[in-house]
Amino acid sequence: MSREQTVRDVAYAIWEAEGKPPGRDALHWRLAEERVAASLASGRQDMAMADKAASKPAVAKARSPAKAPAAAKAKISAGAKSSPKAKT
């Protein structure tokens, strides 16, 4: 496989791992070139392809719902305690 094809494959894997965002092709290509160059420099030509296989899309963590501030909770509690109850 040619170096350019390896860079192309790695750039594609990066793009997929980031959720396929539009307009970031130049960044993905540059990152892929850096990874391929590093793998060639270290003598591990298969590192770039291993990155491709190991890439997984990022998963957003679910956020817990916002909690009411303590002052708001105190107001609500105070209002409930001071309301008169109807006697029967």
PDB file of N, CA and C in Angstrom:
ATOM      1  N   MET A   1       0.858  -1.177   0.000  1.00  0.00           N
ATOM      2  CA  MET A   1       0.000   0.000   0.000  1.00  0.00           C
ATOM      3  C   MET A   1       0.900   1.235   0.000  1.00  0.00           C
ATOM      4  N   SER A   2       0.537   2.224  -0.807  1.00  0.00           N
ATOM      5  CA  SER A   2       1.350   3.438  -0.881  1.00  0.00           C
ATOM      6  C   SER A   2       1.153   4.280   0.378  1.00  0.00           C
ATOM      7  N   ARG A   3       2.102   5.160   0.622  1.00  0.00           N
ATOM      8  CA  ARG A   3       2.026   6.052   1.787  1.00  0.00           C
ATOM      9  C   ARG A   3       0.787   6.933   1.686  1.00  0.00           C
ATOM     10  N   GLU A   4       0.504   7.436   0.474  1.00  0.00           N
ATOM     11  CA  GLU A   4      -0.660   8.302   0.297  1.00  0.00           C
ATOM     12  C   GLU A   4      -1.959   7.559   0.608  1.00  0.00           C
ATOM     13  N   GLN A   5      -2.053   6.325   0.201  1.00  0.00           N
ATOM     14  CA  GLN A   5      -3.256   5.538   0.495  1.00  0.00           C
ATOM     15  C   GLN A   5      -3.382   5.291   1.996  1.00  0.00           C
ATOM     16  N   THR A   6      -2.251   5.056   2.649  1.00  0.00           N
ATOM     17  CA  THR A   6      -2.275   4.863   4.101  1.00  0.00           C
ATOM     18  C   THR A   6      -2.755   6.126   4.795  1.00  0.00           C
ATOM     19  N   VAL A   7      -2.220   7.287   4.362  1.00  0.00           N
ATOM     20  CA  VAL A   7      -2.653   8.568   4.939  1.00  0.00           C
ATOM     21  C   VAL A   7      -4.148   8.757   4.698  1.00  0.00           C
ATOM     22  N   ARG A   8      -4.611   8.441   3.500  1.00  0.00           N
ATOM     23  CA  ARG A   8      -6.032   8.586   3.170  1.00  0.00           C
ATOM     24  C   ARG A   8      -6.886   7.715   4.097  1.00  0.00           C
ATOM     25  N   ASP A   9      -6.480   6.488   4.303  1.00  0.00           N
ATOM     26  CA  ASP A   9      -7.234   5.572   5.161  1.00  0.00           C
ATOM     27  C   ASP A   9      -7.261   6.048   6.613  1.00  0.00           C
ATOM     28  N   VAL A  10      -6.124   6.536   7.087  1.00  0.00           N
ATOM     29  CA  VAL A  10      -6.056   7.017   8.472  1.00  0.00           C
ATOM     30  C   VAL A  10      -6.891   8.284   8.624  1.00  0.00           C
ATOM     31  N   ALA A  11      -6.823   9.189   7.647  1.00  0.00           N
ATOM     32  CA  ALA A  11      -7.624  10.421   7.702  1.00  0.00           C
ATOM     33  C   ALA A  11      -9.115  10.081   7.731  1.00  0.00           C
ATOM     34  N   TYR A  12      -9.501   9.094   6.944  1.00  0.00           N
ATOM     35  CA  TYR A  12     -10.905   8.659   6.921  1.00  0.00           C
ATOM     36  C   TYR A  12     -11.316   8.097   8.279  1.00  0.00           C
ATOM     37  N   ALA A  13     -10.437   7.320   8.889  1.00  0.00           N
ATOM     38  CA  ALA A  13     -10.735   6.740  10.206  1.00  0.00           C
ATOM     39  C   ALA A  13     -10.884   7.845  11.257  1.00  0.00           C
ATOM     40  N   ILE A  14     -10.033   8.859  11.176  1.00  0.00           N
ATOM     41  CA  ILE A  14     -10.128   9.987  12.116  1.00  0.00           C
ATOM     42  C   ILE A  14     -11.464  10.695  11.925  1.00  0.00           C
ATOM     43  N   TRP A  15     -11.826  10.931  10.667  1.00  0.00           N
ATOM     44  CA  TRP A  15     -13.090  11.600  10.337  1.00  0.00           C
ATOM     45  C   TRP A  15     -14.279  10.815  10.893  1.00  0.00           C
ATOM     46  N   GLU A  16     -14.260   9.502  10.706  1.00  0.00           N
ATOM     47  CA  GLU A  16     -15.340   8.665  11.236  1.00  0.00           C
ATOM     48  C   GLU A  16     -15.381   8.696  12.760  1.00  0.00           C
ATOM     49  N   ALA A  17     -14.198   8.631  13.381  1.00  0.00           N
ATOM     50  CA  ALA A  17     -14.124   8.605  14.849  1.00  0.00           C
ATOM     51  C   ALA A  17     -14.662   9.898  15.460  1.00  0.00           C
ATOM     52  N   GLU A  18     -14.556  11.003  14.714  1.00  0.00           N
ATOM     53  CA  GLU A  18     -15.052  12.286  15.222  1.00  0.00           C
ATOM     54  C   GLU A  18     -16.517  12.522  14.872  1.00  0.00           C
ATOM     55  N   GLY A  19     -17.171  11.536  14.306  1.00  0.00           N
ATOM     56  CA  GLY A  19     -18.583  11.683  13.995  1.00  0.00           C
ATOM     57  C   GLY A  19     -18.860  12.278  12.626  1.00  0.00           C
ATOM     58  N   LYS A  20     -17.901  12.187  11.724  1.00  0.00           N
ATOM     59  CA  LYS A  20     -18.020  12.654  10.336  1.00  0.00           C
ATOM     60  C   LYS A  20     -18.372  14.137  10.221  1.00  0.00           C
ATOM     61  N   PRO A  21     -17.634  15.017  10.923  1.00  0.00           N
ATOM     62  CA  PRO A  21     -17.948  16.446  10.846  1.00  0.00           C
ATOM     63  C   PRO A  21     -17.544  17.035   9.493  1.00  0.00           C
ATOM     64  N   PRO A  22     -18.332  17.945   8.950  1.00  0.00           N
ATOM     65  CA  PRO A  22     -17.977  18.575   7.678  1.00  0.00           C
ATOM     66  C   PRO A  22     -16.904  19.645   7.863  1.00  0.00           C
ATOM     67  N   GLY A  23     -16.105  19.864   6.817  1.00  0.00           N
ATOM     68  CA  GLY A  23     -15.157  20.967   6.810  1.00  0.00           C
ATOM     69  C   GLY A  23     -13.883  20.775   7.615  1.00  0.00           C
ATOM     70  N   ARG A  24     -13.568  19.573   8.024  1.00  0.00           N
ATOM     71  CA  ARG A  24     -12.352  19.359   8.822  1.00  0.00           C
ATOM     72  C   ARG A  24     -11.372  18.447   8.095  1.00  0.00           C
ATOM     73  N   ASP A  25     -11.540  18.331   6.782  1.00  0.00           N
ATOM     74  CA  ASP A  25     -10.717  17.418   6.010  1.00  0.00           C
ATOM     75  C   ASP A  25      -9.235  17.767   6.057  1.00  0.00           C
ATOM     76  N   ALA A  26      -8.887  19.059   6.011  1.00  0.00           N
ATOM     77  CA  ALA A  26      -7.476  19.458   6.051  1.00  0.00           C
ATOM     78  C   ALA A  26      -6.837  19.066   7.385  1.00  0.00           C
ATOM     79  N   LEU A  27      -7.567  19.254   8.468  1.00  0.00           N
ATOM     80  CA  LEU A  27      -7.056  18.875   9.793  1.00  0.00           C
ATOM     81  C   LEU A  27      -6.873  17.364   9.887  1.00  0.00           C
ATOM     82  N   HIS A  28      -7.861  16.616   9.413  1.00  0.00           N
ATOM     83  CA  HIS A  28      -7.769  15.154   9.475  1.00  0.00           C
ATOM     84  C   HIS A  28      -6.611  14.643   8.617  1.00  0.00           C
ATOM     85  N   TRP A  29      -6.406  15.268   7.466  1.00  0.00           N
ATOM     86  CA  TRP A  29      -5.299  14.856   6.598  1.00  0.00           C
ATOM     87  C   TRP A  29      -3.958  15.117   7.292  1.00  0.00           C
ATOM     88  N   ARG A  30      -3.833  16.307   7.914  1.00  0.00           N
ATOM     89  CA  ARG A  30      -2.587  16.648   8.605  1.00  0.00           C
ATOM     90  C   ARG A  30      -2.323  15.694   9.764  1.00  0.00           C
ATOM     91  N   LEU A  31      -3.353  15.398  10.542  1.00  0.00           N
ATOM     92  CA  LEU A  31      -3.189  14.458  11.658  1.00  0.00           C
ATOM     93  C   LEU A  31      -2.792  13.076  11.156  1.00  0.00           C
ATOM     94  N   ALA A  32      -3.394  12.652  10.051  1.00  0.00           N
ATOM     95  CA  ALA A  32      -3.072  11.346   9.477  1.00  0.00           C
ATOM     96  C   ALA A  32      -1.630  11.318   8.988  1.00  0.00           C
ATOM     97  N   GLU A  33      -1.190  12.395   8.333  1.00  0.00           N
ATOM     98  CA  GLU A  33       0.210  12.450   7.880  1.00  0.00           C
ATOM     99  C   GLU A  33       1.169  12.344   9.052  1.00  0.00           C
ATOM    100  N   GLU A  34       0.837  13.034  10.157  1.00  0.00           N
ATOM    101  CA  GLU A  34       1.693  12.984  11.347  1.00  0.00           C
ATOM    102  C   GLU A  34       1.745  11.565  11.917  1.00  0.00           C
ATOM    103  N   ARG A  35       0.604  10.900  11.980  1.00  0.00           N
ATOM    104  CA  ARG A  35       0.577   9.524  12.515  1.00  0.00           C
ATOM    105  C   ARG A  35       1.368   8.564  11.641  1.00  0.00           C
ATOM    106  N   VAL A  36       1.193   8.704  10.321  1.00  0.00           N
ATOM    107  CA  VAL A  36       1.898   7.811   9.405  1.00  0.00           C
ATOM    108  C   VAL A  36       3.396   8.075   9.474  1.00  0.00           C
ATOM    109  N   ALA A  37       3.797   9.346   9.511  1.00  0.00           N
ATOM    110  CA  ALA A  37       5.216   9.685   9.607  1.00  0.00           C
ATOM    111  C   ALA A  37       5.810   9.126  10.896  1.00  0.00           C
ATOM    112  N   ALA A  38       5.068   9.241  11.996  1.00  0.00           N
ATOM    113  CA  ALA A  38       5.551   8.726  13.282  1.00  0.00           C
ATOM    114  C   ALA A  38       5.691   7.207  13.238  1.00  0.00           C
ATOM    115  N   SER A  39       4.734   6.558  12.601  1.00  0.00           N
ATOM    116  CA  SER A  39       4.807   5.101  12.540  1.00  0.00           C
ATOM    117  C   SER A  39       5.963   4.637  11.654  1.00  0.00           C
ATOM    118  N   LEU A  40       6.218   5.368  10.566  1.00  0.00           N
ATOM    119  CA  LEU A  40       7.343   5.010   9.694  1.00  0.00           C
ATOM    120  C   LEU A  40       8.674   5.289  10.378  1.00  0.00           C
ATOM    121  N   ALA A  41       8.742   6.385  11.118  1.00  0.00           N
ATOM    122  CA  ALA A  41       9.973   6.750  11.819  1.00  0.00           C
ATOM    123  C   ALA A  41      10.315   5.733  12.902  1.00  0.00           C
ATOM    124  N   SER A  42       9.297   5.175  13.505  1.00  0.00           N
ATOM    125  CA  SER A  42       9.542   4.206  14.581  1.00  0.00           C
ATOM    126  C   SER A  42       9.677   2.779  14.052  1.00  0.00           C
ATOM    127  N   GLY A  43       9.487   2.622  12.743  1.00  0.00           N
ATOM    128  CA  GLY A  43       9.647   1.300  12.159  1.00  0.00           C
ATOM    129  C   GLY A  43       8.423   0.424  12.260  1.00  0.00           C
ATOM    130  N   ARG A  44       7.322   0.996  12.716  1.00  0.00           N
ATOM    131  CA  ARG A  44       6.092   0.211  12.844  1.00  0.00           C
ATOM    132  C   ARG A  44       5.105   0.695  11.796  1.00  0.00           C
ATOM    133  N   GLN A  45       5.183   0.163  10.600  1.00  0.00           N
ATOM    134  CA  GLN A  45       4.342   0.610   9.506  1.00  0.00           C
ATOM    135  C   GLN A  45       2.871   0.247   9.709  1.00  0.00           C
ATOM    136  N   ASP A  46       2.597  -0.733  10.511  1.00  0.00           N
ATOM    137  CA  ASP A  46       1.217  -1.159  10.720  1.00  0.00           C
ATOM    138  C   ASP A  46       0.503  -0.333  11.788  1.00  0.00           C
ATOM    139  N   MET A  47       1.202   0.585  12.448  1.00  0.00           N
ATOM    140  CA  MET A  47       0.596   1.374  13.509  1.00  0.00           C
ATOM    141  C   MET A  47      -0.569   2.216  12.980  1.00  0.00           C
ATOM    142  N   ALA A  48      -0.386   2.796  11.806  1.00  0.00           N
ATOM    143  CA  ALA A  48      -1.446   3.629  11.254  1.00  0.00           C
ATOM    144  C   ALA A  48      -2.704   2.817  10.991  1.00  0.00           C
ATOM    145  N   MET A  49      -2.546   1.621  10.489  1.00  0.00           N
ATOM    146  CA  MET A  49      -3.702   0.775  10.227  1.00  0.00           C
ATOM    147  C   MET A  49      -4.304   0.264  11.538  1.00  0.00           C
ATOM    148  N   ALA A  50      -3.487   0.059  12.546  1.00  0.00           N
ATOM    149  CA  ALA A  50      -4.008  -0.350  13.856  1.00  0.00           C
ATOM    150  C   ALA A  50      -4.841   0.777  14.447  1.00  0.00           C
ATOM    151  N   ASP A  51      -4.400   2.038  14.236  1.00  0.00           N
ATOM    152  CA  ASP A  51      -5.183   3.181  14.695  1.00  0.00           C
ATOM    153  C   ASP A  51      -6.563   3.165  14.055  1.00  0.00           C
ATOM    154  N   LYS A  52      -6.588   2.840  12.774  1.00  0.00           N
ATOM    155  CA  LYS A  52      -7.856   2.799  12.055  1.00  0.00           C
ATOM    156  C   LYS A  52      -8.778   1.755  12.671  1.00  0.00           C
ATOM    157  N   ALA A  53      -8.244   0.590  12.947  1.00  0.00           N
ATOM    158  CA  ALA A  53      -9.051  -0.491  13.505  1.00  0.00           C
ATOM    159  C   ALA A  53      -9.492  -0.186  14.930  1.00  0.00           C
ATOM    160  N   ALA A  54      -8.652   0.533  15.677  1.00  0.00           N
ATOM    161  CA  ALA A  54      -8.956   0.806  17.078  1.00  0.00           C
ATOM    162  C   ALA A  54      -9.824   2.040  17.263  1.00  0.00           C
ATOM    163  N   SER A  55      -9.982   2.846  16.225  1.00  0.00           N
ATOM    164  CA  SER A  55     -10.770   4.074  16.354  1.00  0.00           C
ATOM    165  C   SER A  55     -12.220   3.742  16.619  1.00  0.00           C
ATOM    166  N   LYS A  56     -12.756   4.417  17.602  1.00  0.00           N
ATOM    167  CA  LYS A  56     -14.163   4.256  17.923  1.00  0.00           C
ATOM    168  C   LYS A  56     -14.767   5.651  18.016  1.00  0.00           C
ATOM    169  N   PRO A  57     -15.999   5.815  17.572  1.00  0.00           N
ATOM    170  CA  PRO A  57     -16.610   7.137  17.662  1.00  0.00           C
ATOM    171  C   PRO A  57     -16.757   7.563  19.109  1.00  0.00           C
ATOM    172  N   ALA A  58     -16.585   8.845  19.332  1.00  0.00           N
ATOM    173  CA  ALA A  58     -16.752   9.379  20.673  1.00  0.00           C
ATOM    174  C   ALA A  58     -18.226   9.335  21.045  1.00  0.00           C
ATOM    175  N   VAL A  59     -18.502   8.976  22.288  1.00  0.00           N
ATOM    176  CA  VAL A  59     -19.868   8.904  22.774  1.00  0.00           C
ATOM    177  C   VAL A  59     -20.050  10.010  23.797  1.00  0.00           C
ATOM    178  N   ALA A  60     -21.065  10.828  23.569  1.00  0.00           N
ATOM    179  CA  ALA A  60     -21.333  11.924  24.496  1.00  0.00           C
ATOM    180  C   ALA A  60     -21.921  11.368  25.779  1.00  0.00           C
ATOM    181  N   LYS A  61     -21.460  11.894  26.893  1.00  0.00           N
ATOM    182  CA  LYS A  61     -21.993  11.471  28.180  1.00  0.00           C
ATOM    183  C   LYS A  61     -23.307  12.193  28.434  1.00  0.00           C
ATOM    184  N   ALA A  62     -24.252  11.477  29.003  1.00  0.00           N
ATOM    185  CA  ALA A  62     -25.533  12.077  29.341  1.00  0.00           C
ATOM    186  C   ALA A  62     -25.351  12.977  30.555  1.00  0.00           C
ATOM    187  N   ARG A  63     -25.973  14.121  30.493  1.00  0.00           N
ATOM    188  CA  ARG A  63     -25.891  15.046  31.627  1.00  0.00           C
ATOM    189  C   ARG A  63     -27.061  14.812  32.557  1.00  0.00           C
ATOM    190  N   SER A  64     -26.797  14.979  33.844  1.00  0.00           N
ATOM    191  CA  SER A  64     -27.889  14.853  34.800  1.00  0.00           C
ATOM    192  C   SER A  64     -28.661  16.169  34.797  1.00  0.00           C
ATOM    193  N   PRO A  65     -29.946  16.132  35.090  1.00  0.00           N
ATOM    194  CA  PRO A  65     -30.729  17.367  35.077  1.00  0.00           C
ATOM    195  C   PRO A  65     -30.213  18.344  36.121  1.00  0.00           C
ATOM    196  N   ALA A  66     -30.357  19.619  35.815  1.00  0.00           N
ATOM    197  CA  ALA A  66     -29.879  20.660  36.725  1.00  0.00           C
ATOM    198  C   ALA A  66     -30.701  20.630  38.007  1.00  0.00           C
ATOM    199  N   LYS A  67     -30.047  20.874  39.111  1.00  0.00           N
ATOM    200  CA  LYS A  67     -30.737  20.896  40.394  1.00  0.00           C
ATOM    201  C   LYS A  67     -31.057  22.338  40.755  1.00  0.00           C
ATOM    202  N   ALA A  68     -32.170  22.530  41.456  1.00  0.00           N
ATOM    203  CA  ALA A  68     -32.564  23.866  41.885  1.00  0.00           C
ATOM    204  C   ALA A  68     -31.619  24.344  42.976  1.00  0.00           C
ATOM    205  N   PRO A  69     -31.279  25.637  42.973  1.00  0.00           N
ATOM    206  CA  PRO A  69     -30.415  26.173  44.035  1.00  0.00           C
ATOM    207  C   PRO A  69     -31.082  26.026  45.401  1.00  0.00           C
ATOM    208  N   ALA A  70     -30.275  25.983  46.430  1.00  0.00           N
ATOM    209  CA  ALA A  70     -30.767  25.787  47.793  1.00  0.00           C
ATOM    210  C   ALA A  70     -31.732  26.897  48.202  1.00  0.00           C
ATOM    211  N   ALA A  71     -31.476  28.149  47.770  1.00  0.00           N
ATOM    212  CA  ALA A  71     -32.352  29.267  48.130  1.00  0.00           C
ATOM    213  C   ALA A  71     -33.751  29.054  47.555  1.00  0.00           C
ATOM    214  N   ALA A  72     -33.833  28.560  46.336  1.00  0.00           N
ATOM    215  CA  ALA A  72     -35.130  28.309  45.728  1.00  0.00           C
ATOM    216  C   ALA A  72     -35.854  27.183  46.454  1.00  0.00           C
ATOM    217  N   LYS A  73     -35.116  26.166  46.855  1.00  0.00           N
ATOM    218  CA  LYS A  73     -35.721  25.060  47.597  1.00  0.00           C
ATOM    219  C   LYS A  73     -36.258  25.549  48.941  1.00  0.00           C
ATOM    220  N   ALA A  74     -35.510  26.440  49.605  1.00  0.00           N
ATOM    221  CA  ALA A  74     -35.929  26.962  50.901  1.00  0.00           C
ATOM    222  C   ALA A  74     -37.216  27.768  50.756  1.00  0.00           C
ATOM    223  N   LYS A  75     -37.331  28.572  49.683  1.00  0.00           N
ATOM    224  CA  LYS A  75     -38.531  29.365  49.451  1.00  0.00           C
ATOM    225  C   LYS A  75     -39.742  28.460  49.264  1.00  0.00           C
ATOM    226  N   ILE A  76     -39.550  27.421  48.484  1.00  0.00           N
ATOM    227  CA  ILE A  76     -40.653  26.496  48.219  1.00  0.00           C
ATOM    228  C   ILE A  76     -41.083  25.814  49.512  1.00  0.00           C
ATOM    229  N   SER A  77     -40.108  25.377  50.297  1.00  0.00           N
ATOM    230  CA  SER A  77     -40.415  24.703  51.564  1.00  0.00           C
ATOM    231  C   SER A  77     -41.101  25.652  52.530  1.00  0.00           C
ATOM    232  N   ALA A  78     -40.630  26.902  52.607  1.00  0.00           N
ATOM    233  CA  ALA A  78     -41.213  27.875  53.530  1.00  0.00           C
ATOM    234  C   ALA A  78     -42.644  28.186  53.130  1.00  0.00           C
ATOM    235  N   GLY A  79     -42.909  28.294  51.843  1.00  0.00           N
ATOM    236  CA  GLY A  79     -44.254  28.588  51.350  1.00  0.00           C
ATOM    237  C   GLY A  79     -45.221  27.463  51.685  1.00  0.00           C
ATOM    238  N   ALA A  80     -44.777  26.250  51.603  1.00  0.00           N
ATOM    239  CA  ALA A  80     -45.638  25.102  51.886  1.00  0.00           C
ATOM    240  C   ALA A  80     -45.968  25.010  53.366  1.00  0.00           C
ATOM    241  N   LYS A  81     -45.025  25.419  54.231  1.00  0.00           N
ATOM    242  CA  LYS A  81     -45.238  25.324  55.680  1.00  0.00           C
ATOM    243  C   LYS A  81     -46.171  26.416  56.183  1.00  0.00           C
ATOM    244  N   SER A  82     -46.134  27.586  55.524  1.00  0.00           N
ATOM    245  CA  SER A  82     -46.931  28.710  56.049  1.00  0.00           C
ATOM    246  C   SER A  82     -48.335  28.753  55.507  1.00  0.00           C
ATOM    247  N   SER A  83     -48.694  27.921  54.553  1.00  0.00           N
ATOM    248  CA  SER A  83     -50.059  27.982  54.009  1.00  0.00           C
ATOM    249  C   SER A  83     -51.012  27.331  55.004  1.00  0.00           C
ATOM    250  N   PRO A  84     -52.133  28.029  55.271  1.00  0.00           N
ATOM    251  CA  PRO A  84     -53.097  27.484  56.253  1.00  0.00           C
ATOM    252  C   PRO A  84     -53.853  26.305  55.646  1.00  0.00           C
ATOM    253  N   LYS A  85     -54.142  25.344  56.519  1.00  0.00           N
ATOM    254  CA  LYS A  85     -54.909  24.181  56.092  1.00  0.00           C
ATOM    255  C   LYS A  85     -56.361  24.402  56.474  1.00  0.00           C
ATOM    256  N   ALA A  86     -57.237  23.989  55.620  1.00  0.00           N
ATOM    257  CA  ALA A  86     -58.658  24.109  55.892  1.00  0.00           C
ATOM    258  C   ALA A  86     -59.076  22.992  56.849  1.00  0.00           C
ATOM    259  N   LYS A  87     -59.811  23.386  57.892  1.00  0.00           N
ATOM    260  CA  LYS A  87     -60.268  22.405  58.858  1.00  0.00           C
ATOM    261  C   LYS A  87     -61.680  21.987  58.495  1.00  0.00           C
ATOM    262  N   THR A  88     -61.970  20.769  58.682  1.00  0.00           N
ATOM    263  CA  THR A  88     -63.302  20.279  58.379  1.00  0.00           C
ATOM    264  C   THR A  88     -64.037  19.858  59.614  1.00  0.00           C
TER     265      THR A  88
END
